[in-house]
Amino acid sequence: MRRLLLLRHAKAEPGAAEQEDHDRTLTERGHADAAAMARYLKKQGYIPSRILCSTSLRTVQTTEPVLAAAPAPVDYLAAIYLAPPGRLIALAQDAADADKVLMLVGHNPGLEQCAALLAREAVKPKEAHRHDVMEEKFPTAALAVLDFDIANWKKLSLGTGKLVDFVRPRDL
């Protein structure tokens, strides 16, 4: 079994004309939401064995409280910055077999589309509800947790992940 944690960066300052998008920082609410999500990850036992994080400042800042709550090796990858879903899936497929719980910290719309593409059709009402909430909106600092019945990441394929959790900061 493999578990994929997809975490969207927390709320960031709006971009200014003189500021690069890549260098946008988290707002006060963003920092609070990232810390709340880190506590939730630890409480639920969603402990990543490896984190793949975009190099943007807002994703790095979102990852910091996660690392404080659940230390894990982190790879900061420029390829995740504003990545389309296919690139995110390819990065997951290239993950080491030793990393049974992989976290990607990235951006929308790619992260939301990645979760939707990987999630299977809902089997039970609770799973269907999670799908509905996720499809409604994948807000900042939201987390999708997908489980895959696969032996290694190379076998990761579309429509095969069980959406075991979807949580937004306002749910905490």
Protein backbone atom coordinates (compact mmCIF):
# COMPACT_ATOMS: atom_id res chain seq x y z
CA MET A 1 0.00 0.00 0.00
CA ARG A 2 1.13 3.55 -0.78
CA ARG A 3 -0.25 6.81 0.59
CA LEU A 4 -0.08 10.14 -1.24
CA LEU A 5 -0.61 13.39 0.66
CA LEU A 6 -1.37 16.39 -1.55
CA LEU A 7 -1.06 19.67 0.34
CA ARG A 8 -1.78 22.99 -1.29
CA HIS A 9 0.28 25.92 0.00
CA ALA A 10 -1.37 28.10 2.62
CA LYS A 11 -2.79 31.58 2.01
CA ALA A 12 -0.19 33.90 0.49
CA GLU A 13 0.12 37.64 0.17
CA PRO A 14 -1.26 38.94 -3.12
CA GLY A 15 1.39 39.55 -5.74
CA ALA A 16 2.57 43.08 -6.33
CA ALA A 17 3.88 44.42 -9.63
CA GLU A 18 7.42 44.54 -8.27
CA GLN A 19 7.19 41.14 -6.57
CA GLU A 20 7.88 37.85 -8.31
CA ASP A 21 5.08 35.29 -7.85
CA HIS A 22 7.68 32.76 -6.77
CA ASP A 23 8.66 34.98 -3.82
CA ARG A 24 5.20 35.59 -2.34
CA THR A 25 5.08 34.94 1.42
CA LEU A 26 2.33 33.54 3.61
CA THR A 27 -0.13 35.83 5.30
CA GLU A 28 -0.71 35.66 9.06
CA ARG A 29 -3.72 33.44 8.34
CA GLY A 30 -1.57 31.32 6.04
CA HIS A 31 0.94 30.67 8.81
CA ALA A 32 -1.87 29.77 11.22
CA ASP A 33 -3.51 27.45 8.67
CA ALA A 34 -0.20 25.71 7.88
CA ALA A 35 0.41 25.14 11.60
CA ALA A 36 -3.13 23.80 12.08
CA MET A 37 -2.68 21.43 9.14
CA ALA A 38 0.64 20.22 10.56
CA ARG A 39 -1.06 19.43 13.88
CA TYR A 40 -3.82 17.60 12.00
CA LEU A 41 -1.31 15.53 10.02
CA LYS A 42 0.42 14.46 13.23
CA LYS A 43 -2.85 13.74 15.07
CA GLN A 44 -4.16 11.58 12.20
CA GLY A 45 -0.86 9.77 11.75
CA TYR A 46 -0.39 11.10 8.20
CA ILE A 47 3.37 11.14 8.58
CA PRO A 48 5.25 11.47 5.28
CA SER A 49 8.37 9.42 4.71
CA ARG A 50 9.42 11.98 2.06
CA ILE A 51 8.17 15.42 1.02
CA LEU A 52 8.44 16.84 -2.48
CA CYS A 53 7.94 20.60 -2.25
CA SER A 54 7.82 23.40 -4.79
CA THR A 55 10.65 25.91 -4.48
CA SER A 56 8.26 28.86 -4.09
CA LEU A 57 8.55 30.73 -0.81
CA ARG A 58 4.89 30.10 0.09
CA THR A 59 5.22 26.32 -0.29
CA VAL A 60 8.48 26.28 1.67
CA GLN A 61 6.80 28.28 4.46
CA THR A 62 3.80 25.89 4.39
CA THR A 63 6.15 22.92 4.76
CA GLU A 64 8.05 24.31 7.77
CA PRO A 65 5.40 23.52 10.42
CA VAL A 66 4.85 20.09 8.84
CA LEU A 67 8.55 19.36 9.32
CA ALA A 68 8.40 20.57 12.92
CA ALA A 69 5.48 18.21 13.63
CA ALA A 70 6.71 15.26 11.56
CA PRO A 71 10.35 15.48 10.41
CA ALA A 72 10.92 13.93 6.99
CA PRO A 73 13.44 14.30 4.18
CA VAL A 74 12.44 17.11 1.80
CA ASP A 75 13.28 17.58 -1.85
CA TYR A 76 12.66 21.15 -3.01
CA LEU A 77 11.92 20.85 -6.72
CA ALA A 78 11.47 23.68 -9.20
CA ALA A 79 9.49 21.19 -11.33
CA ILE A 80 6.60 21.38 -8.84
CA TYR A 81 6.24 25.16 -9.12
CA LEU A 82 2.89 25.72 -10.90
CA ALA A 83 3.17 22.16 -12.29
CA PRO A 84 0.38 20.57 -14.33
CA PRO A 85 -1.09 17.34 -12.95
CA GLY A 86 0.83 15.09 -15.34
CA ARG A 87 4.16 16.37 -14.03
CA LEU A 88 3.04 15.87 -10.41
CA ILE A 89 1.95 12.31 -11.14
CA ALA A 90 5.25 11.60 -12.93
CA LEU A 91 7.19 12.89 -9.91
CA ALA A 92 5.20 10.58 -7.63
CA GLN A 93 5.80 7.65 -9.98
CA ASP A 94 9.54 8.30 -9.75
CA ALA A 95 9.54 8.21 -5.93
CA ALA A 96 11.69 5.64 -4.16
CA ASP A 97 10.03 2.38 -3.16
CA ALA A 98 11.20 2.98 0.42
CA ASP A 99 8.94 6.04 0.65
CA LYS A 100 5.56 4.51 1.43
CA VAL A 101 3.96 7.85 2.38
CA LEU A 102 4.76 10.62 -0.08
CA MET A 103 3.71 14.25 0.34
CA LEU A 104 3.59 16.79 -2.47
CA VAL A 105 3.33 20.45 -1.48
CA GLY A 106 2.34 22.56 -4.43
CA HIS A 107 -0.05 24.87 -6.23
CA ASN A 108 -3.42 24.98 -7.92
CA PRO A 109 -4.80 24.21 -10.38
CA GLY A 110 -2.31 21.36 -10.87
CA LEU A 111 -2.61 19.91 -7.37
CA GLU A 112 -6.41 19.89 -7.41
CA GLN A 113 -6.46 18.34 -10.89
CA CYS A 114 -3.90 15.74 -9.80
CA ALA A 115 -6.10 14.69 -6.86
CA ALA A 116 -9.18 14.48 -9.09
CA LEU A 117 -7.36 12.40 -11.72
CA LEU A 118 -5.90 9.96 -9.21
CA ALA A 119 -9.03 9.46 -7.09
CA ARG A 120 -11.19 6.47 -7.93
CA GLU A 121 -14.95 6.60 -8.21
CA ALA A 122 -16.37 6.79 -4.69
CA VAL A 123 -17.43 3.44 -3.28
CA LYS A 124 -19.10 4.52 -0.02
CA PRO A 125 -21.15 7.58 0.95
CA LYS A 126 -18.37 9.08 3.11
CA GLU A 127 -15.92 8.80 0.24
CA ALA A 128 -18.50 10.35 -2.11
CA HIS A 129 -18.91 13.25 0.31
CA ARG A 130 -15.13 13.81 0.33
CA HIS A 131 -15.14 13.85 -3.47
CA ASP A 132 -17.97 16.40 -3.51
CA VAL A 133 -16.20 18.71 -1.06
CA MET A 134 -12.90 18.43 -2.95
CA GLU A 135 -14.57 19.11 -6.30
CA GLU A 136 -16.38 22.14 -4.87
CA LYS A 137 -13.08 23.83 -4.00
CA PHE A 138 -9.49 22.87 -3.12
CA PRO A 139 -8.65 25.96 -1.05
CA THR A 140 -5.28 27.07 0.28
CA ALA A 141 -3.78 24.72 2.90
CA ALA A 142 -6.23 21.94 1.95
CA LEU A 143 -5.05 18.35 2.16
CA ALA A 144 -6.11 15.35 0.07
CA VAL A 145 -5.08 11.89 1.31
CA LEU A 146 -5.17 9.08 -1.24
CA ASP A 147 -4.34 5.42 -0.64
CA PHE A 148 -3.22 3.14 -3.45
CA ASP A 149 -3.13 -0.64 -3.38
CA ILE A 150 0.19 -0.84 -5.25
CA ALA A 151 3.57 -2.35 -4.47
CA ASN A 152 5.61 0.60 -5.74
CA TRP A 153 5.13 4.14 -7.03
CA LYS A 154 5.83 3.15 -10.64
CA LYS A 155 2.41 1.44 -10.63
CA LEU A 156 0.59 4.66 -9.68
CA SER A 157 -2.22 5.15 -12.19
CA LEU A 158 -5.24 7.35 -12.79
CA GLY A 159 -8.51 6.60 -11.04
CA THR A 160 -7.09 4.07 -8.58
CA GLY A 161 -6.65 6.06 -5.36
CA LYS A 162 -9.06 5.80 -2.48
CA LEU A 163 -9.75 9.32 -1.18
CA VAL A 164 -9.49 8.56 2.54
CA ASP A 165 -9.51 12.17 3.68
CA PHE A 166 -9.96 15.68 2.40
CA VAL A 167 -9.63 18.46 4.92
CA ARG A 168 -9.61 22.23 4.66
CA PRO A 169 -8.38 24.65 7.32
CA ARG A 170 -11.94 25.69 8.11
CA ASP A 171 -12.71 22.03 8.98
CA LEU A 172 -10.15 22.08 11.81
